[in-house]
N, C-alpha and C. Protein backbone atom coordinates (compact mmCIF):
# COMPACT_ATOMS: atom_id res chain seq x y z
N MET A 1 -11.14 -17.84 -6.32
CA MET A 1 -10.17 -16.54 -5.56
C MET A 1 -9.09 -17.56 -4.84
N THR A 2 -7.62 -17.03 -5.57
CA THR A 2 -6.73 -17.90 -4.63
C THR A 2 -6.30 -17.41 -3.52
N GLU A 3 -6.00 -18.62 -2.36
CA GLU A 3 -5.68 -18.12 -1.20
C GLU A 3 -4.46 -17.83 -0.86
N LEU A 4 -3.85 -17.32 -0.26
CA LEU A 4 -2.29 -16.88 -0.41
C LEU A 4 -1.93 -17.72 1.18
N PRO A 5 -0.65 -18.17 1.22
CA PRO A 5 -0.19 -18.48 2.49
C PRO A 5 -0.33 -17.80 3.60
N ALA A 6 -0.40 -18.39 4.70
CA ALA A 6 -1.13 -17.76 6.11
C ALA A 6 0.42 -16.73 6.49
N LYS A 7 2.02 -17.72 6.34
CA LYS A 7 3.08 -17.01 6.44
C LYS A 7 4.12 -17.30 5.61
N GLN A 8 5.06 -15.96 4.73
CA GLN A 8 6.11 -16.80 3.86
C GLN A 8 6.41 -17.43 4.42
N PRO A 9 7.17 -17.94 3.77
CA PRO A 9 8.34 -18.92 4.12
C PRO A 9 9.77 -18.24 4.62
N ALA A 10 10.46 -18.43 5.68
CA ALA A 10 11.90 -17.50 6.08
C ALA A 10 12.63 -17.92 4.96
N ALA A 11 13.18 -16.16 4.91
CA ALA A 11 14.25 -16.58 3.79
C ALA A 11 15.52 -16.67 4.39
N LYS A 12 16.38 -17.33 3.76
CA LYS A 12 17.52 -17.65 4.23
C LYS A 12 19.03 -16.60 4.01
N ALA A 13 19.00 -15.53 3.15
CA ALA A 13 19.69 -14.80 3.09
C ALA A 13 18.95 -13.74 3.11
N GLY A 14 17.62 -13.22 3.15
CA GLY A 14 17.04 -12.41 3.58
C GLY A 14 16.53 -12.00 2.60
N GLU A 15 16.95 -11.95 1.04
CA GLU A 15 16.79 -11.28 0.14
C GLU A 15 15.45 -11.34 -0.11
N PRO A 16 14.98 -12.64 -0.60
CA PRO A 16 13.29 -12.95 -1.01
C PRO A 16 12.26 -12.11 0.08
N THR A 17 12.93 -12.06 1.60
CA THR A 17 11.96 -11.07 2.40
C THR A 17 12.02 -9.43 1.90
N LEU A 18 13.33 -9.31 1.54
CA LEU A 18 13.20 -8.00 1.19
C LEU A 18 12.28 -7.63 -0.16
N GLN A 19 12.83 -8.58 -1.03
CA GLN A 19 11.57 -8.69 -2.29
C GLN A 19 10.16 -8.62 -2.40
N PHE A 20 9.87 -9.23 -1.10
CA PHE A 20 8.49 -9.22 -0.98
C PHE A 20 8.01 -8.10 -0.21
N VAL A 21 8.78 -7.52 0.28
CA VAL A 21 8.19 -6.17 0.70
C VAL A 21 8.36 -5.07 -0.17
N GLU A 22 9.07 -5.31 -1.20
CA GLU A 22 9.33 -4.36 -2.15
C GLU A 22 8.30 -4.20 -2.97
N ASP A 23 8.01 -5.62 -3.07
CA ASP A 23 6.82 -5.88 -3.87
C ASP A 23 5.22 -5.33 -3.44
N ASP A 24 5.32 -5.73 -2.37
CA ASP A 24 4.07 -4.93 -1.37
C ASP A 24 3.91 -3.58 -1.64
N LEU A 25 5.03 -2.85 -1.32
CA LEU A 25 4.93 -1.39 -1.67
C LEU A 25 4.94 -1.11 -2.42
N LYS A 26 5.28 -1.55 -3.60
CA LYS A 26 4.88 -1.22 -5.38
C LYS A 26 3.65 -1.87 -5.44
N LEU A 27 3.08 -2.57 -5.07
CA LEU A 27 1.23 -2.53 -4.89
C LEU A 27 0.78 -1.98 -4.40
N ALA A 28 1.05 -1.68 -2.99
CA ALA A 28 0.49 -0.58 -2.28
C ALA A 28 0.20 0.94 -3.57
N LEU A 29 1.61 0.98 -3.85
CA LEU A 29 1.40 2.73 -4.77
C LEU A 29 0.30 2.22 -5.99
N THR A 30 0.34 1.25 -6.52
CA THR A 30 -0.55 0.95 -7.83
C THR A 30 -1.85 1.31 -7.29
N PHE A 31 -2.30 0.97 -6.33
CA PHE A 31 -3.63 1.16 -5.93
C PHE A 31 -3.87 2.08 -5.14
N VAL A 32 -2.83 2.96 -4.79
CA VAL A 32 -3.18 4.06 -4.62
C VAL A 32 -3.59 4.74 -5.54
N GLN A 33 -2.79 4.95 -6.45
CA GLN A 33 -2.91 5.40 -8.16
C GLN A 33 -4.75 5.46 -8.35
N ILE A 34 -4.83 4.03 -8.44
CA ILE A 34 -6.11 3.44 -8.55
C ILE A 34 -7.24 4.14 -8.06
N SER A 35 -7.18 4.17 -6.55
CA SER A 35 -7.83 4.59 -5.85
C SER A 35 -8.11 6.38 -6.32
N CYS A 36 -6.85 6.97 -6.06
CA CYS A 36 -6.64 8.79 -6.83
C CYS A 36 -7.97 8.91 -7.66
N ALA A 37 -7.37 8.30 -8.82
CA ALA A 37 -7.96 8.22 -10.34
C ALA A 37 -9.46 8.21 -9.95
N ALA A 38 -10.08 6.99 -9.22
CA ALA A 38 -11.33 6.65 -9.08
C ALA A 38 -11.97 7.73 -8.18
N TYR A 39 -11.52 7.93 -7.16
CA TYR A 39 -12.31 9.04 -6.52
C TYR A 39 -11.99 10.90 -7.09
N SER A 40 -11.50 10.48 -7.86
CA SER A 40 -11.15 11.89 -8.78
C SER A 40 -12.44 11.89 -10.07
N THR A 41 -13.08 10.48 -10.69
CA THR A 41 -14.37 10.73 -11.47
C THR A 41 -15.63 10.50 -10.78
N GLY A 42 -15.40 10.47 -9.46
CA GLY A 42 -16.71 10.01 -8.96
C GLY A 42 -17.31 8.79 -8.43
N LYS A 43 -16.22 8.05 -9.08
CA LYS A 43 -16.34 6.57 -8.52
C LYS A 43 -16.02 6.25 -7.13
N LEU A 44 -16.64 6.39 -6.08
CA LEU A 44 -16.44 6.44 -4.80
C LEU A 44 -15.93 5.13 -4.22
N GLN A 45 -17.05 4.14 -4.73
CA GLN A 45 -16.93 2.63 -4.11
C GLN A 45 -15.52 2.11 -4.57
N HIS A 46 -14.98 2.44 -6.79
CA HIS A 46 -13.88 1.97 -6.47
C HIS A 46 -12.94 2.31 -5.78
N GLY A 47 -12.87 4.08 -5.94
CA GLY A 47 -11.63 4.52 -5.23
C GLY A 47 -11.74 3.92 -3.64
N GLY A 48 -12.32 3.66 -3.22
CA GLY A 48 -12.64 2.94 -1.49
C GLY A 48 -12.08 1.24 -1.48
N ASP A 49 -12.71 0.92 -2.36
CA ASP A 49 -12.09 -0.60 -2.68
C ASP A 49 -10.36 -0.37 -2.53
N ALA A 50 -10.17 0.50 -3.58
CA ALA A 50 -8.53 0.22 -4.44
C ALA A 50 -7.80 0.76 -2.95
N ARG A 51 -8.43 1.61 -1.83
CA ARG A 51 -7.52 2.52 -0.78
C ARG A 51 -7.79 1.18 0.16
N SER A 52 -8.57 0.13 0.01
CA SER A 52 -8.32 -0.66 1.14
C SER A 52 -7.74 -1.75 0.79
N LYS A 53 -7.53 -2.29 -0.49
CA LYS A 53 -6.25 -2.98 -1.19
C LYS A 53 -4.71 -2.46 -0.98
N ALA A 54 -4.98 -0.94 -0.82
CA ALA A 54 -3.41 -0.25 -0.79
C ALA A 54 -2.95 -0.64 0.84
N GLU A 55 -4.10 -0.06 1.59
CA GLU A 55 -3.78 -0.18 2.81
C GLU A 55 -3.23 -1.91 3.30
N ALA A 56 -4.01 -2.81 2.61
CA ALA A 56 -3.10 -4.37 3.16
C ALA A 56 -2.44 -4.47 2.96
N ALA A 57 -1.65 -3.93 1.26
CA ALA A 57 -0.48 -4.01 1.00
C ALA A 57 0.70 -3.69 2.06
N HIS A 58 0.30 -2.20 2.06
CA HIS A 58 1.08 -1.97 2.97
C HIS A 58 1.59 -2.27 4.25
N ALA A 59 0.30 -3.04 4.93
CA ALA A 59 0.28 -3.45 6.36
C ALA A 59 0.86 -4.71 5.88
N ARG A 60 1.05 -5.38 5.12
CA ARG A 60 1.63 -6.99 4.75
C ARG A 60 3.25 -6.72 5.01
N ALA A 61 3.36 -5.26 4.17
CA ALA A 61 5.20 -5.45 3.82
C ALA A 61 5.34 -4.38 5.48
N VAL A 62 4.79 -3.90 6.03
CA VAL A 62 5.08 -3.08 7.29
C VAL A 62 5.12 -4.48 8.45
N ALA A 63 4.57 -5.64 8.26
CA ALA A 63 4.52 -6.76 9.07
C ALA A 63 5.87 -7.52 8.45
N GLN A 64 6.01 -7.83 7.06
CA GLN A 64 7.10 -8.67 6.85
C GLN A 64 8.45 -7.98 7.34
N LEU A 65 8.64 -6.45 7.30
CA LEU A 65 9.44 -6.05 8.22
C LEU A 65 10.01 -6.18 9.28
N ILE A 66 8.79 -6.05 10.24
CA ILE A 66 9.08 -6.14 11.71
C ILE A 66 9.62 -7.65 11.97
N GLU A 67 8.84 -9.02 11.24
CA GLU A 67 9.64 -10.14 11.23
C GLU A 67 10.89 -10.42 10.86
N SER A 68 11.57 -9.06 9.83
CA SER A 68 12.83 -9.98 9.06
C SER A 68 13.65 -9.01 10.24
N SER A 69 15.19 -9.26 10.00
CA SER A 69 15.85 -8.60 10.96
C SER A 69 16.37 -7.21 10.60
N THR A 70 16.69 -6.84 11.44
CA THR A 70 16.94 -5.02 11.66
C THR A 70 18.06 -4.49 10.28
N VAL A 71 18.38 -5.25 9.93
CA VAL A 71 19.46 -4.53 9.00
C VAL A 71 18.38 -4.20 7.63
N TYR A 72 17.38 -5.30 6.87
CA TYR A 72 16.54 -5.02 6.03
C TYR A 72 15.86 -3.74 6.86
N ARG A 73 15.28 -3.38 7.65
CA ARG A 73 14.24 -2.89 8.39
C ARG A 73 15.16 -1.47 8.06
N GLN A 74 16.32 -1.47 8.03
CA GLN A 74 17.37 0.11 7.69
C GLN A 74 17.72 0.11 6.51
N ASP A 75 17.44 -0.34 5.24
CA ASP A 75 17.47 -0.27 4.08
C ASP A 75 16.84 0.74 3.35
N PRO A 76 17.68 2.12 2.86
CA PRO A 76 17.37 3.11 2.80
C PRO A 76 16.17 2.80 1.50
N SER A 77 16.34 2.25 0.60
CA SER A 77 15.65 2.22 -0.49
C SER A 77 14.28 1.69 0.12
N VAL A 78 13.82 0.83 1.08
CA VAL A 78 12.34 0.50 1.41
C VAL A 78 11.90 1.26 2.84
N GLN A 79 12.80 2.54 3.03
CA GLN A 79 12.67 3.40 4.12
C GLN A 79 11.54 4.42 2.99
N SER A 80 12.83 4.96 2.24
CA SER A 80 11.91 6.10 1.00
C SER A 80 10.75 5.23 0.09
N MET A 81 10.71 4.10 0.15
CA MET A 81 9.15 3.65 -0.54
C MET A 81 8.21 3.44 0.59
N LEU A 82 8.88 3.09 2.02
CA LEU A 82 7.65 3.27 2.93
C LEU A 82 7.32 4.62 2.94
N LYS A 83 7.86 5.40 2.77
CA LYS A 83 7.89 7.27 3.17
C LYS A 83 6.64 7.35 1.92
N GLU A 84 6.84 6.91 1.08
CA GLU A 84 6.39 7.13 -0.40
C GLU A 84 4.98 6.74 -0.11
N VAL A 85 4.51 5.89 0.21
CA VAL A 85 3.48 5.03 0.04
C VAL A 85 2.75 5.52 1.40
N GLN A 86 3.05 5.77 2.29
CA GLN A 86 2.37 6.46 3.62
C GLN A 86 1.79 7.79 3.23
N SER A 87 2.32 8.55 2.75
CA SER A 87 2.74 10.17 1.88
C SER A 87 1.37 10.03 1.29
N ALA A 88 1.51 9.00 0.11
CA ALA A 88 0.23 8.44 -0.90
C ALA A 88 -0.63 8.31 -0.24
N LEU A 89 -0.81 7.53 0.72
CA LEU A 89 -2.31 6.94 1.41
C LEU A 89 -2.92 8.09 2.28
N SER A 90 -2.10 9.00 2.95
CA SER A 90 -2.58 10.38 3.89
C SER A 90 -2.71 10.64 2.86
N SER A 91 -2.88 11.40 1.45
CA SER A 91 -3.71 12.31 0.33
C SER A 91 -4.64 11.46 -0.07
N LEU A 92 -5.33 10.67 0.55
CA LEU A 92 -6.67 9.92 -0.27
C LEU A 92 -7.60 10.35 0.72
N PRO A 93 -8.60 10.55 0.45
CA PRO A 93 -9.72 10.60 1.31
C PRO A 93 -9.88 9.36 2.09
N SER A 94 -9.91 9.72 3.31
CA SER A 94 -10.76 9.11 4.16
C SER A 94 -12.40 8.53 4.29
N SER A 95 -12.88 7.53 4.43
CA SER A 95 -14.29 7.69 4.26
C SER A 95 -15.06 8.57 5.08
N ALA A 96 -14.63 9.59 5.77
CA ALA A 96 -15.14 10.43 6.05
C ALA A 96 -15.14 11.58 5.41
N ARG A 97 -14.35 11.81 4.37
CA ARG A 97 -14.19 12.17 3.44
C ARG A 97 -14.35 12.80 1.92
N PRO A 98 -15.48 11.72 1.84
CA PRO A 98 -15.98 11.61 0.16
C PRO A 98 -16.59 12.77 -0.53
N ALA A 99 -17.07 13.56 0.25
CA ALA A 99 -17.67 14.59 -0.47
C ALA A 99 -16.98 15.52 -1.10
N LEU A 100 -15.92 15.76 -0.18
CA LEU A 100 -14.81 16.72 -0.76
C LEU A 100 -14.12 16.48 -2.04
N TRP A 101 -13.83 15.11 -2.16
CA TRP A 101 -13.55 14.59 -3.60
C TRP A 101 -14.61 14.34 -4.60
N MET A 102 -15.41 14.35 -4.06
CA MET A 102 -17.13 14.48 -4.87
C MET A 102 -16.95 16.12 -5.76
N ARG A 103 -16.91 16.93 -5.06
CA ARG A 103 -16.82 18.23 -5.54
C ARG A 103 -15.63 18.71 -6.04
N ARG A 104 -14.91 17.92 -6.47
CA ARG A 104 -13.48 18.23 -6.89
C ARG A 104 -13.69 17.78 -8.25
N ALA A 105 -14.07 16.11 -8.15
CA ALA A 105 -14.29 15.54 -9.36
C ALA A 105 -15.55 16.18 -10.27
N ALA A 106 -16.71 16.76 -9.83
CA ALA A 106 -17.46 17.40 -10.49
C ALA A 106 -17.36 19.21 -11.22
N GLY A 107 -16.06 19.73 -10.31
CA GLY A 107 -15.41 20.42 -10.98
C GLY A 107 -15.44 21.79 -11.24
C-alpha cells in the first residue's frame, strides 16, 4: 500500500492546488459511479466501500480548497464539480438504507 504525504506542498501560483482539487473531485465522481453500480447489483459491501472512498476524495478536495486562496474557492468549474459530487453522494444510500437498494436490485 502506498502512503500519501501528510500534506501537499504549497503551490506557488495556485495552479497545482486547483488541479489537485479537480482531480480529487473527479475521483470522487468515479467512486460514486462504482458505488451506485455495486448497490444496484446488490453488492452492498462494494457499494459501501466505494462510497467511503468517494467521501474521502470529496473531503480532501474541500480541505484543499479551504487551505487555498479565496480566488480558487470561487472558481466556477470547481464550484460546479463540488455541487455535482455533493448531489451524487446524496443520491447514494446511507448505511441505514441498504434494504431499499436491495429491493431495487431484486427488481
